[in-house]
Amino acid sequence: MAMLNLIPTEKIIERLRYENPWWITKEIPNTYSSMSKRLYFDLFYPFVLERSIKRALVLMGPRRVGKTVMLFHCIENLLKEGTNPHKLFFIGIDNPIYVNLSLEDVLTLCKDSLNLENLNGCYVFFDEIQYLKDWERHLKVLVDSYPETKFIVSGSAAAALKWHSTESGAGRFTDFLLPPLTFQEYIHLKKLDHLIFEGDIQYGDKDIKYCLTHDCKALNKEFVHYLNFGGYPEVVLSEKIQGDMGRYVKNDIVDKVLLRDLPSLYGIKDVQELNRFFTYIAYNTGNEFSYETMSRESGIQKDTLKKYLEYLEAAFLIKVLNKVGVNAKRLKRITSFKVYLTNPS
C-alpha cells in the first residue's frame, strides 16, 4: 500500500465504517430497506449464495436501473439469514478516497478495521467497479487468492464491463445483466398487481402460463405510461422527475455515458460526433438501416459507425437487430439491420 500516504489510513477506515453501518446496527440503511425489490432479485440472489463454483459475480446494466439497491437488498437478505455482519463488506469504488488503492489494499483495510484473521466465508460487494483501472485483473487475482470469499461487483459502464469480463475473466466471472424495468416489474413497483393474474392459454396441445387482466382499459393506460416513464425505478416512483423527464434522462443517463464513460473507456476524441450519431439513431429508432445509408445520412465513416454501434450497444443504450433465417442464424449476405433504443422513455 505504497500510495496510502496520500490519504490517512484512519480516514479510509472511517469511510469503510460509514459505508458498512450493519457492522454495528446489524441492518442496512432505511433508505434501501424501504425500497421494493426488483423481480430480477429472485434470479440474482441464488448466484450470490453459490459457493461451490469459485467465481466472482458481475452485475452489469445501464445507469439508474437499481444495481446498487440490489446489492444492498442482497446484504439485507444475508443478514436476515443469519450471516455475521462482520462478514459483509460494501465498497463504492467511485469514491475518490479509494484512488490509488488496489482491491486487495481495500480488503486488507476492511479486515484490519474489524480485526479479522482471514476473509473465509465473507461476502465482498464492490460497487461501480469500472472506476478502477484494470479492475478485471485485480478481481481475477482476488478470486484465485481468496477461494473461500464470495466477490460480487457491479458497474454502469457496461461497455468496459462486458468486454473486460469476457476477455480477462474467462472461467473466473459470472455475468448477470440487469435491464431497465420490464412492464411486469413496472406493475409490481406501482403496486398494481391487482390488474393482472396468472392464467393459461392453449398453444397447440400445451397449456402455457400467461398473464391476463381484469381491466384491459386500465392496463393499456398503464402501458402507455410505462412507455413514457417506465424504464427506470426512480422515475416510476417520482412524479417530480416525471415532470422534467427530458432533463433527468439526458443529464443523469445519456450524457454521462456519451460524454464521460464511453470516451474515457475507448479514447473517443470526437465526443460531439458520437453525441450527434446517438441523436440520429434516437430519431430513427426502429428503422431499417445499412452501413451505406447510415454513413451517407449521418456523414460518418463506415468503420467509425461500426465502432459507435458496438460501443452504444455494449453500454445498453441501443439494441441492433440483424435478420435471421428459419434456423435462427444471421443471414450473412443481408446487410440491412434495425436499431432500437433499449428504453423508449
Protein backbone atom coordinates (compact mmCIF):
# COMPACT_ATOMS: atom_id res chain seq x y z
CA MET A 1 0.00 0.00 0.00
CA ALA A 2 2.68 2.42 -1.09
CA MET A 3 0.21 5.12 -2.10
CA LEU A 4 -1.75 5.09 1.14
CA ASN A 5 0.12 8.14 2.42
CA LEU A 6 -1.97 10.33 0.08
CA ILE A 7 -4.96 9.83 2.37
CA PRO A 8 -4.58 8.87 6.05
CA THR A 9 -5.45 5.25 6.76
CA GLU A 10 -7.78 6.34 9.56
CA LYS A 11 -9.87 8.37 7.10
CA ILE A 12 -10.24 5.43 4.75
CA ILE A 13 -11.26 3.10 7.60
CA GLU A 14 -13.73 5.77 8.76
CA ARG A 15 -15.27 5.77 5.29
CA LEU A 16 -15.49 1.97 5.26
CA ARG A 17 -17.35 2.02 8.58
CA TYR A 18 -19.73 4.63 7.18
CA GLU A 19 -20.43 2.51 4.09
CA ASN A 20 -20.99 -0.61 6.23
CA PRO A 21 -23.31 0.51 9.07
CA TRP A 22 -24.52 -3.09 9.64
CA TRP A 23 -21.17 -3.82 11.33
CA ILE A 24 -22.78 -2.04 14.29
CA THR A 25 -26.54 -1.79 13.60
CA LYS A 26 -26.90 -5.25 12.02
CA GLU A 27 -29.21 -3.81 9.34
CA ILE A 28 -28.90 -1.89 6.08
CA PRO A 29 -29.88 1.83 5.92
CA ASN A 30 -33.61 2.51 5.81
CA THR A 31 -33.12 4.33 2.50
CA TYR A 32 -32.57 0.94 0.85
CA SER A 33 -34.64 -1.37 3.04
CA SER A 34 -37.76 0.72 2.32
CA MET A 35 -37.38 0.23 -1.45
CA SER A 36 -39.20 -2.60 -3.21
CA LYS A 37 -37.07 -5.39 -4.59
CA ARG A 38 -36.95 -5.77 -8.35
CA LEU A 39 -38.40 -9.04 -9.64
CA TYR A 40 -34.94 -9.86 -11.01
CA PHE A 41 -33.72 -10.13 -7.41
CA ASP A 42 -35.06 -13.70 -7.11
CA LEU A 43 -32.98 -14.66 -10.15
CA PHE A 44 -29.84 -12.83 -8.99
CA TYR A 45 -29.69 -13.82 -5.33
CA PRO A 46 -29.02 -17.57 -5.88
CA PHE A 47 -25.82 -16.58 -7.74
CA VAL A 48 -24.76 -14.59 -4.66
CA LEU A 49 -25.20 -17.67 -2.47
CA GLU A 50 -23.45 -20.00 -4.93
CA ARG A 51 -20.13 -21.04 -3.40
CA SER A 52 -19.40 -24.41 -4.96
CA ILE A 53 -18.15 -22.65 -8.10
CA LYS A 54 -15.25 -20.29 -7.34
CA ARG A 55 -16.32 -17.31 -9.43
CA ALA A 56 -16.91 -13.61 -8.92
CA LEU A 57 -20.39 -12.37 -9.80
CA VAL A 58 -20.51 -9.35 -12.13
CA LEU A 59 -23.79 -7.39 -12.12
CA MET A 60 -23.98 -5.37 -15.35
CA GLY A 61 -26.56 -2.93 -16.65
CA PRO A 62 -27.36 0.62 -17.74
CA ARG A 63 -27.20 3.56 -15.39
CA ARG A 64 -30.02 4.12 -12.87
CA VAL A 65 -31.71 0.72 -13.13
CA GLY A 66 -31.16 -0.23 -9.47
CA LYS A 67 -27.88 -2.16 -9.34
CA THR A 68 -26.63 -0.57 -6.09
CA VAL A 69 -30.05 -1.07 -4.47
CA MET A 70 -29.98 -4.74 -5.48
CA LEU A 71 -26.59 -5.17 -3.79
CA PHE A 72 -27.99 -3.69 -0.56
CA HIS A 73 -31.02 -5.98 -0.80
CA CYS A 74 -28.62 -8.94 -1.07
CA ILE A 75 -26.86 -7.76 2.10
CA GLU A 76 -30.24 -7.38 3.81
CA ASN A 77 -31.20 -10.96 2.92
CA LEU A 78 -27.85 -12.32 4.09
CA LEU A 79 -28.29 -10.55 7.43
CA LYS A 80 -31.82 -11.96 7.82
CA GLU A 81 -30.48 -15.44 7.08
CA GLY A 82 -28.01 -15.14 9.96
CA THR A 83 -24.79 -14.13 8.22
CA ASN A 84 -22.34 -12.46 10.61
CA PRO A 85 -22.46 -8.67 9.86
CA HIS A 86 -18.66 -8.59 10.09
CA LYS A 87 -18.54 -10.97 7.13
CA LEU A 88 -20.27 -8.48 4.80
CA PHE A 89 -18.31 -5.71 3.06
CA PHE A 90 -19.62 -3.00 0.72
CA ILE A 91 -17.15 -0.69 -1.05
CA GLY A 92 -18.16 2.05 -3.51
CA ILE A 93 -15.17 2.20 -5.84
CA ASP A 94 -16.36 5.51 -7.36
CA ASN A 95 -15.46 7.32 -4.13
CA PRO A 96 -12.23 9.35 -4.64
CA ILE A 97 -10.93 8.21 -1.24
CA TYR A 98 -10.05 4.83 -2.80
CA VAL A 99 -7.94 6.35 -5.58
CA ASN A 100 -4.55 4.61 -5.92
CA LEU A 101 -5.70 1.66 -3.81
CA SER A 102 -5.98 -1.81 -5.29
CA LEU A 103 -8.92 -4.04 -4.40
CA GLU A 104 -6.60 -6.07 -2.17
CA ASP A 105 -5.50 -2.91 -0.35
CA VAL A 106 -9.14 -2.08 0.40
CA LEU A 107 -9.80 -5.64 1.54
CA THR A 108 -6.82 -5.52 3.89
CA LEU A 109 -8.18 -2.31 5.44
CA CYS A 110 -11.61 -3.93 5.88
CA LYS A 111 -10.00 -6.89 7.61
CA ASP A 112 -7.87 -4.65 9.84
CA SER A 113 -10.78 -2.41 10.80
CA LEU A 114 -12.67 -5.43 12.18
CA ASN A 115 -9.58 -7.31 13.47
CA LEU A 116 -10.41 -10.34 11.33
CA GLU A 117 -7.85 -13.12 10.99
CA ASN A 118 -8.99 -14.05 7.49
CA LEU A 119 -11.79 -13.48 4.97
CA ASN A 120 -13.14 -17.02 4.89
CA GLY A 121 -16.92 -17.05 4.47
CA CYS A 122 -17.08 -13.32 3.70
CA TYR A 123 -19.19 -11.62 1.02
CA VAL A 124 -17.47 -8.64 -0.60
CA PHE A 125 -19.51 -6.18 -2.71
CA PHE A 126 -17.62 -3.75 -4.97
CA ASP A 127 -19.93 -1.11 -6.47
CA GLU A 128 -19.07 0.86 -9.66
CA ILE A 129 -16.07 -1.37 -10.29
CA GLN A 130 -15.29 0.21 -13.67
CA TYR A 131 -13.73 3.23 -11.92
CA LEU A 132 -10.74 1.06 -11.02
CA LYS A 133 -8.25 0.75 -13.86
CA ASP A 134 -7.65 -2.87 -14.90
CA TRP A 135 -10.32 -3.93 -12.43
CA GLU A 136 -10.71 -7.33 -14.09
CA ARG A 137 -7.08 -8.27 -13.40
CA HIS A 138 -7.37 -7.19 -9.76
CA LEU A 139 -10.59 -9.15 -9.36
CA LYS A 140 -9.21 -12.26 -11.03
CA VAL A 141 -6.29 -12.25 -8.56
CA LEU A 142 -8.69 -11.92 -5.62
CA VAL A 143 -10.83 -14.85 -6.84
CA ASP A 144 -7.71 -17.00 -7.03
CA SER A 145 -6.20 -15.74 -3.75
CA TYR A 146 -9.36 -15.95 -1.62
CA PRO A 147 -11.21 -19.12 -2.68
CA GLU A 148 -13.40 -19.06 0.45
CA THR A 149 -14.62 -15.50 -0.18
CA LYS A 150 -17.52 -14.52 -2.46
CA PHE A 151 -16.96 -11.41 -4.60
CA ILE A 152 -19.89 -9.54 -6.14
CA VAL A 153 -19.22 -6.46 -8.28
CA SER A 154 -21.42 -4.04 -10.20
CA GLY A 155 -20.86 -1.32 -12.75
CA SER A 156 -22.73 1.04 -15.06
CA ALA A 157 -20.14 1.49 -17.78
CA ALA A 158 -21.24 -1.79 -19.24
CA ALA A 159 -19.14 -1.39 -22.34
CA ALA A 160 -15.99 -1.93 -20.29
CA LEU A 161 -17.59 -4.50 -18.01
CA LYS A 162 -18.92 -6.66 -20.81
CA TRP A 163 -15.73 -6.57 -22.82
CA HIS A 164 -13.27 -6.99 -19.97
CA SER A 165 -15.22 -9.64 -18.09
CA THR A 166 -15.28 -11.90 -21.14
CA GLU A 167 -11.69 -11.19 -22.23
CA SER A 168 -9.82 -11.31 -18.94
CA GLY A 169 -12.18 -13.13 -16.62
CA ALA A 170 -12.72 -16.34 -18.55
CA GLY A 171 -13.62 -19.03 -16.03
CA ARG A 172 -13.47 -16.55 -13.12
CA PHE A 173 -16.55 -14.34 -13.61
CA THR A 174 -20.29 -14.97 -13.93
CA ASP A 175 -22.12 -12.12 -15.69
CA PHE A 176 -25.66 -11.09 -14.79
CA LEU A 177 -27.46 -8.44 -16.83
CA LEU A 178 -29.95 -6.17 -15.07
CA PRO A 179 -32.01 -4.43 -17.79
CA PRO A 180 -34.37 -1.45 -17.45
CA LEU A 181 -37.73 -2.26 -15.85
CA THR A 182 -39.95 -4.72 -17.66
CA PHE A 183 -43.66 -3.93 -17.81
CA GLN A 184 -44.35 -6.63 -15.22
CA GLU A 185 -41.83 -5.01 -12.86
CA TYR A 186 -43.39 -1.60 -13.51
CA ILE A 187 -46.79 -3.01 -12.45
CA HIS A 188 -45.13 -4.56 -9.38
CA LEU A 189 -43.35 -1.34 -8.29
CA LYS A 190 -46.51 0.72 -8.78
CA LYS A 191 -48.38 -1.80 -6.59
CA LEU A 192 -50.86 -2.51 -9.39
CA ASP A 193 -50.62 -6.30 -9.20
CA HIS A 194 -54.41 -6.46 -8.89
CA LEU A 195 -54.63 -5.58 -12.60
CA ILE A 196 -53.12 -8.89 -13.72
CA PHE A 197 -53.48 -12.53 -12.78
CA GLU A 198 -51.83 -15.73 -13.92
CA GLY A 199 -53.80 -17.89 -16.29
CA ASP A 200 -53.25 -20.40 -19.08
CA ILE A 201 -53.61 -20.20 -22.84
CA GLN A 202 -53.82 -23.09 -25.25
CA TYR A 203 -50.84 -23.30 -27.60
CA GLY A 204 -51.06 -26.36 -29.81
CA ASP A 205 -51.61 -29.24 -27.41
CA LYS A 206 -49.98 -27.46 -24.45
CA ASP A 207 -51.25 -25.14 -21.73
CA ILE A 208 -48.87 -22.19 -21.40
CA LYS A 209 -48.83 -19.97 -18.31
CA TYR A 210 -49.86 -16.45 -19.28
CA CYS A 211 -50.62 -13.13 -17.58
CA LEU A 212 -54.20 -11.98 -18.08
CA THR A 213 -56.03 -8.85 -16.92
CA HIS A 214 -59.29 -8.00 -15.22
CA ASP A 215 -59.31 -4.50 -16.73
CA CYS A 216 -57.81 -4.15 -20.21
CA LYS A 217 -58.50 -0.40 -20.42
CA ALA A 218 -56.68 0.36 -17.16
CA LEU A 219 -53.77 -1.90 -18.12
CA ASN A 220 -53.42 -0.20 -21.51
CA LYS A 221 -53.34 3.18 -19.78
CA GLU A 222 -50.50 1.98 -17.53
CA PHE A 223 -48.68 0.54 -20.55
CA VAL A 224 -48.67 3.93 -22.26
CA HIS A 225 -47.36 5.45 -19.03
CA TYR A 226 -44.68 2.72 -18.91
CA LEU A 227 -43.55 3.55 -22.46
CA ASN A 228 -43.09 7.19 -21.45
CA PHE A 229 -41.61 6.82 -17.96
CA GLY A 230 -41.23 3.17 -17.02
CA GLY A 231 -37.64 2.14 -17.70
CA TYR A 232 -36.08 3.49 -14.52
CA PRO A 233 -37.32 2.71 -10.98
CA GLU A 234 -36.51 6.21 -9.74
CA VAL A 235 -38.70 7.77 -12.45
CA VAL A 236 -41.62 5.39 -11.86
CA LEU A 237 -41.78 6.35 -8.20
CA SER A 238 -41.23 10.12 -8.56
CA GLU A 239 -43.79 12.44 -10.12
CA LYS A 240 -41.29 15.30 -9.75
CA ILE A 241 -38.81 13.56 -12.07
CA GLN A 242 -41.63 12.67 -14.48
CA GLY A 243 -42.37 16.39 -14.73
CA ASP A 244 -38.87 17.01 -16.11
CA MET A 245 -38.14 13.64 -17.70
CA GLY A 246 -36.03 15.03 -20.54
CA ARG A 247 -33.50 16.64 -18.22
CA TYR A 248 -33.28 13.56 -15.98
CA VAL A 249 -32.64 11.11 -18.84
CA LYS A 250 -30.29 13.47 -20.65
CA ASN A 251 -28.20 14.64 -17.67
CA ASP A 252 -28.15 11.55 -15.46
CA ILE A 253 -28.10 8.78 -18.03
CA VAL A 254 -27.34 9.62 -21.64
CA ASP A 255 -24.82 12.44 -21.19
CA LYS A 256 -22.81 10.57 -18.55
CA VAL A 257 -22.47 7.59 -20.88
CA LEU A 258 -21.88 9.54 -24.11
CA LEU A 259 -19.74 12.35 -22.76
CA ARG A 260 -17.86 10.60 -19.96
CA ASP A 261 -17.99 6.79 -19.82
CA LEU A 262 -17.52 5.83 -23.47
CA PRO A 263 -14.89 8.50 -24.31
CA SER A 264 -12.79 7.57 -21.27
CA LEU A 265 -13.10 3.82 -21.91
CA TYR A 266 -12.42 3.82 -25.64
CA GLY A 267 -10.43 7.00 -26.16
CA ILE A 268 -13.11 8.59 -28.36
CA LYS A 269 -11.84 12.03 -29.35
CA ASP A 270 -14.82 13.44 -31.25
CA VAL A 271 -17.42 13.30 -28.49
CA GLN A 272 -19.79 15.62 -30.34
CA GLU A 273 -19.84 13.28 -33.32
CA LEU A 274 -20.81 10.37 -31.06
CA ASN A 275 -23.50 12.50 -29.44
CA ARG A 276 -24.82 13.57 -32.84
CA PHE A 277 -24.87 9.95 -34.03
CA PHE A 278 -26.87 8.81 -31.00
CA THR A 279 -29.37 11.62 -31.60
CA TYR A 280 -29.69 10.46 -35.21
CA ILE A 281 -30.45 6.91 -34.02
CA ALA A 282 -32.93 8.16 -31.40
CA TYR A 283 -34.99 9.95 -34.04
CA ASN A 284 -34.91 6.93 -36.32
CA THR A 285 -35.37 4.14 -33.78
CA GLY A 286 -36.97 1.04 -35.28
CA ASN A 287 -35.99 1.97 -38.84
CA GLU A 288 -34.10 -0.33 -41.16
CA PHE A 289 -30.51 0.72 -41.86
CA SER A 290 -27.47 -0.33 -43.84
CA TYR A 291 -23.98 0.95 -43.17
CA GLU A 292 -24.01 2.73 -46.52
CA THR A 293 -27.24 4.65 -45.93
CA MET A 294 -26.34 5.35 -42.31
CA SER A 295 -22.94 6.72 -43.33
CA ARG A 296 -24.46 8.86 -46.05
CA GLU A 297 -27.20 10.30 -43.83
CA SER A 298 -25.04 10.89 -40.75
CA GLY A 299 -21.86 11.95 -42.53
CA ILE A 300 -19.73 9.49 -40.53
CA GLN A 301 -17.28 6.97 -41.98
CA LYS A 302 -18.49 3.33 -42.10
CA ASP A 303 -15.65 1.96 -39.95
CA THR A 304 -16.34 4.61 -37.32
CA LEU A 305 -20.07 3.84 -37.47
CA LYS A 306 -19.50 0.18 -36.74
CA LYS A 307 -17.43 1.06 -33.67
CA TYR A 308 -20.03 3.56 -32.43
CA LEU A 309 -22.81 0.97 -32.79
CA GLU A 310 -20.72 -1.57 -30.89
CA TYR A 311 -19.96 0.91 -28.08
CA LEU A 312 -23.55 2.13 -27.75
CA GLU A 313 -24.91 -1.43 -27.68
CA ALA A 314 -22.34 -2.52 -25.08
CA ALA A 315 -23.44 0.45 -22.96
CA PHE A 316 -27.07 -0.76 -23.23
CA LEU A 317 -28.28 2.43 -24.91
CA ILE A 318 -29.31 0.68 -28.15
CA LYS A 319 -30.06 -2.80 -29.49
CA VAL A 320 -29.05 -3.83 -33.01
CA LEU A 321 -31.24 -6.50 -34.63
CA ASN A 322 -29.98 -8.42 -37.65
CA LYS A 323 -32.11 -10.52 -39.98
CA VAL A 324 -32.05 -14.25 -39.28
CA GLY A 325 -33.14 -17.29 -41.21
CA VAL A 326 -35.54 -20.07 -40.21
CA ASN A 327 -32.74 -21.77 -38.24
CA ALA A 328 -32.22 -18.55 -36.24
CA LYS A 329 -28.79 -17.93 -37.77
CA ARG A 330 -27.83 -14.48 -39.01
CA LEU A 331 -28.14 -14.04 -42.78
CA LYS A 332 -24.60 -13.13 -43.82
CA ARG A 333 -25.47 -11.73 -47.23
CA ILE A 334 -28.12 -9.39 -45.89
CA THR A 335 -26.51 -6.07 -44.96
CA SER A 336 -29.56 -4.27 -43.58
CA PHE A 337 -30.43 -4.22 -39.87
CA LYS A 338 -32.65 -2.38 -37.39
CA VAL A 339 -31.62 -0.28 -34.40
CA TYR A 340 -33.82 0.30 -31.34
CA LEU A 341 -33.35 2.36 -28.21
CA THR A 342 -33.24 -0.04 -25.27
CA ASN A 343 -35.54 2.24 -23.32
CA PRO A 344 -38.33 4.15 -25.07
CA SER A 345 -38.51 6.74 -22.27
